Amino acid sequence: MNLTFYYTQKMNTLELPFAKVLIRDVSLVEIIADEGVEINSDMAEQFHPLLLENFSPPIGILVNKINRYSYTFRAQIKLGDIHEVGAIAVVAYSQMSKKRTQAFIGLPRNHELNLQKTKIQRKYSSRH
């Protein structure tokens, strides 16, 4: 199956049919996948040219896992092998997201990911 994806640029957002790509800086991007989508290999291939056309290496990626979505195994391999990516940060809101991120980190790839685990504790205000 050959899928062709497009993206549109609105202010500081690049929109793919399955995700929003927020431009944070010339070398920093935030990715928010749409709710319920399964990112496959063809979709994952769309990220590489999008990153190269819009950002300067080394590219930092912030993956905001606010929505529930999944990746195929082949998509995970492709997304982890983009050499222009210098660092990846993942914001996980659930235990399942954390486990999936750990599985992604452990996948074989052609180069080492610059990805570090940090736990951020939220402080809640009593204001209403």
Protein backbone atom coordinates (compact mmCIF):
# COMPACT_ATOMS: atom_id res chain seq x y z
CA MET A 1 0.00 0.00 0.00
CA ASN A 2 1.51 3.32 -1.04
CA LEU A 3 0.17 6.20 1.02
CA THR A 4 1.02 9.78 0.21
CA PHE A 5 0.70 12.26 3.03
CA TYR A 6 0.70 15.99 2.92
CA TYR A 7 1.08 18.62 5.51
CA THR A 8 -0.21 22.14 5.84
CA GLN A 9 1.50 24.90 7.75
CA LYS A 10 -0.59 27.11 10.04
CA MET A 11 1.42 29.68 11.95
CA ASN A 12 3.79 27.57 14.06
CA THR A 13 2.08 24.23 13.44
CA LEU A 14 2.64 21.66 10.72
CA GLU A 15 -0.34 19.36 10.38
CA LEU A 16 -0.15 15.79 9.18
CA PRO A 17 -3.27 13.66 8.75
CA PHE A 18 -2.30 11.78 11.92
CA ALA A 19 -0.37 14.31 14.07
CA LYS A 20 0.39 17.92 14.84
CA VAL A 21 3.99 19.10 14.68
CA LEU A 22 4.53 22.26 16.72
CA ILE A 23 7.51 24.41 15.84
CA ARG A 24 9.19 25.46 19.09
CA ASP A 25 12.49 26.70 17.64
CA VAL A 26 14.65 26.24 14.50
CA SER A 27 15.93 22.98 16.00
CA LEU A 28 13.10 21.98 18.35
CA VAL A 29 9.82 20.31 17.47
CA GLU A 30 6.93 19.02 19.57
CA ILE A 31 4.94 16.12 18.15
CA ILE A 32 1.37 15.30 19.24
CA ALA A 33 -0.15 12.25 17.56
CA ASP A 34 -3.92 12.25 17.09
CA GLU A 35 -6.14 10.28 19.44
CA GLY A 36 -6.60 6.62 18.48
CA VAL A 37 -4.28 6.59 15.46
CA GLU A 38 -1.92 3.71 14.71
CA ILE A 39 1.24 5.12 13.15
CA ASN A 40 2.47 2.72 10.49
CA SER A 41 5.68 2.53 8.48
CA ASP A 42 4.39 4.74 5.65
CA MET A 43 3.31 7.42 8.10
CA ALA A 44 6.64 7.28 9.94
CA GLU A 45 8.48 7.88 6.65
CA GLN A 46 6.75 11.28 6.39
CA PHE A 47 8.55 12.62 9.46
CA HIS A 48 12.07 12.54 8.00
CA PRO A 49 11.52 14.92 5.03
CA LEU A 50 9.27 17.12 7.19
CA LEU A 51 12.03 17.47 9.79
CA LEU A 52 14.76 18.15 7.22
CA GLU A 53 12.70 20.75 5.35
CA ASN A 54 11.66 22.69 8.46
CA PHE A 55 14.35 22.28 11.13
CA SER A 56 18.12 22.59 11.51
CA PRO A 57 20.10 19.58 12.79
CA PRO A 58 20.73 18.49 15.40
CA ILE A 59 16.98 18.38 15.88
CA GLY A 60 15.42 18.04 19.32
CA ILE A 61 12.08 16.25 19.48
CA LEU A 62 9.55 16.52 22.29
CA VAL A 63 6.98 13.74 22.03
CA ASN A 64 3.86 14.81 23.92
CA LYS A 65 1.89 11.63 24.64
CA ILE A 66 -1.26 13.42 25.73
CA ASN A 67 -3.37 11.28 23.36
CA ARG A 68 -3.65 7.51 23.17
CA TYR A 69 -2.13 6.08 20.00
CA SER A 70 0.12 3.25 18.90
CA TYR A 71 2.97 2.47 16.52
CA THR A 72 3.63 -0.58 14.42
CA PHE A 73 6.99 -2.22 15.03
CA ARG A 74 8.35 -1.05 11.65
CA ALA A 75 7.26 2.52 12.37
CA GLN A 76 9.14 2.48 15.67
CA ILE A 77 12.31 1.31 13.95
CA LYS A 78 12.04 4.03 11.28
CA LEU A 79 11.33 6.80 13.78
CA GLY A 80 14.31 5.79 15.89
CA ASP A 81 16.72 5.88 12.93
CA ILE A 82 16.53 9.53 11.90
CA HIS A 83 20.20 10.53 12.15
CA GLU A 84 19.54 14.29 12.22
CA VAL A 85 17.79 13.94 15.58
CA GLY A 86 20.12 14.95 18.38
CA ALA A 87 17.80 14.34 21.34
CA ILE A 88 14.33 13.05 22.16
CA ALA A 89 12.23 13.88 25.22
CA VAL A 90 8.96 12.11 25.95
CA VAL A 91 6.18 13.41 28.17
CA ALA A 92 4.20 10.37 29.32
CA TYR A 93 1.00 10.82 31.29
CA SER A 94 0.24 7.17 32.10
CA GLN A 95 2.02 3.98 33.11
CA MET A 96 1.18 2.45 29.70
CA SER A 97 2.82 5.38 27.89
CA LYS A 98 5.90 5.00 30.08
CA LYS A 99 6.12 1.27 29.30
CA ARG A 100 5.73 1.87 25.57
CA THR A 101 8.44 4.53 25.68
CA GLN A 102 10.78 2.12 27.49
CA ALA A 103 10.10 -0.50 24.81
CA PHE A 104 10.88 2.09 22.10
CA ILE A 105 14.19 2.93 23.79
CA GLY A 106 15.18 -0.73 23.79
CA LEU A 107 14.67 -1.32 20.06
CA PRO A 108 17.71 -2.09 17.89
CA ARG A 109 18.83 0.81 15.70
CA ASN A 110 21.78 2.00 13.64
CA HIS A 111 22.77 4.72 16.10
CA GLU A 112 22.33 5.43 19.79
CA LEU A 113 19.42 7.59 20.87
CA ASN A 114 20.13 10.56 23.09
CA LEU A 115 17.15 9.96 25.35
CA GLN A 116 17.24 10.32 29.11
CA LYS A 117 14.65 9.35 31.69
CA THR A 118 13.55 12.03 34.11
CA LYS A 119 10.63 11.94 36.46
CA ILE A 120 8.78 15.20 36.88
CA GLN A 121 6.45 15.49 39.81
CA ARG A 122 3.41 17.65 39.46
CA LYS A 123 2.48 19.98 42.25
CA TYR A 124 -1.19 20.73 42.51
CA SER A 125 -2.54 23.97 43.80
CA SER A 126 -5.48 24.13 46.17
CA ARG A 127 -6.85 27.10 44.19
CA HIS A 128 -10.25 26.59 42.59
